[in-house]
Every structure is written in structure tokens, then in C-alpha cells.
Amino acid sequence: MENVNLLVVDDHQLFRKLLVRLLEVFPVNHTFHEAANGFEALETLKSKKINIGFIGYSNA
């Protein structure tokens, strides 16, 4: 089975960690990458092949 690379982007570390914990229960080979903002996300996208991204949105 192919490894699935997931990127979780949100400025709240607690939310990122919680989402990763929830997604870990799925029986899939996965690698999680985290970013606190769009700049970090772009750097990750340049160096990793991401299959799925979860991006938080804030009006603050």
C-alpha cells in the first residue's frame, strides 16, 4: 500500500495535534506534516509530495 502524505495547516498547535490524533486511527500508511501558517505550508509543499491537505481558516 502506498504511503499517504498529509499536511495539516493551522495556527493553533493544539488543533493540529488533535486532528493528527484523530486521523491516526485510520488503517492507512500515512505520514503527517504540520505547518503553523501559509509560509511554512509552502516550504513543506516545495520539499514533500503531499497527497491531502487540511487547512485551517481564520478571520482573526
Protein backbone atom coordinates (compact mmCIF):
# COMPACT_ATOMS: atom_id res chain seq x y z
CA MET A 1 0.00 0.00 0.00
CA GLU A 2 1.30 3.44 -0.91
CA ASN A 3 2.15 5.89 1.83
CA VAL A 4 -0.21 8.89 2.08
CA ASN A 5 1.38 12.24 2.95
CA LEU A 6 -0.94 14.58 4.82
CA LEU A 7 -0.32 18.25 5.57
CA VAL A 8 -2.15 19.87 8.50
CA VAL A 9 -2.00 23.67 8.47
CA ASP A 10 -3.40 25.73 11.33
CA ASP A 11 -2.08 28.45 13.60
CA HIS A 12 -3.31 26.61 16.71
CA GLN A 13 -0.91 23.84 17.65
CA LEU A 14 -3.49 22.11 19.84
CA PHE A 15 -5.91 21.83 16.91
CA ARG A 16 -3.17 20.44 14.65
CA LYS A 17 -2.21 17.81 17.22
CA LEU A 18 -5.84 16.85 17.81
CA LEU A 19 -6.55 16.45 14.09
CA VAL A 20 -3.44 14.31 13.65
CA ARG A 21 -4.53 12.09 16.57
CA LEU A 22 -8.00 11.67 15.06
CA LEU A 23 -6.61 10.79 11.62
CA GLU A 24 -4.10 8.30 13.02
CA VAL A 25 -6.88 5.80 13.74
CA PHE A 26 -7.47 5.12 10.04
CA PRO A 27 -5.76 1.92 8.85
CA VAL A 28 -3.64 3.62 6.19
CA ASN A 29 0.11 4.08 5.84
CA HIS A 30 0.40 7.78 6.46
CA THR A 31 2.94 10.44 7.27
CA PHE A 32 1.84 13.70 8.85
CA HIS A 33 3.44 17.06 8.23
CA GLU A 34 2.42 20.14 10.17
CA ALA A 35 2.64 23.86 9.45
CA ALA A 36 1.60 26.80 11.60
CA ASN A 37 0.97 29.19 8.69
CA GLY A 38 0.90 29.53 4.93
CA PHE A 39 4.61 30.26 4.66
CA GLU A 40 5.53 27.04 6.46
CA ALA A 41 2.98 25.16 4.35
CA LEU A 42 4.55 26.42 1.12
CA GLU A 43 8.01 25.34 2.29
CA THR A 44 6.65 21.88 3.08
CA LEU A 45 4.93 21.67 -0.30
CA LYS A 46 8.23 22.51 -2.02
CA SER A 47 10.06 19.65 -0.35
CA LYS A 48 7.40 16.94 0.11
CA LYS A 49 4.86 15.25 -2.13
CA ILE A 50 1.61 15.96 -0.27
CA ASN A 51 -1.46 13.90 -1.13
CA ILE A 52 -4.03 15.54 1.18
CA GLY A 53 -4.05 18.89 2.94
CA PHE A 54 -6.16 20.09 5.86
CA ILE A 55 -6.00 23.88 6.04
CA GLY A 56 -7.50 25.94 8.83
CA TYR A 57 -9.10 29.26 8.04
CA SER A 58 -9.42 32.17 10.43
CA ASN A 59 -10.99 35.60 10.19
CA ALA A 60 -8.88 36.93 13.04
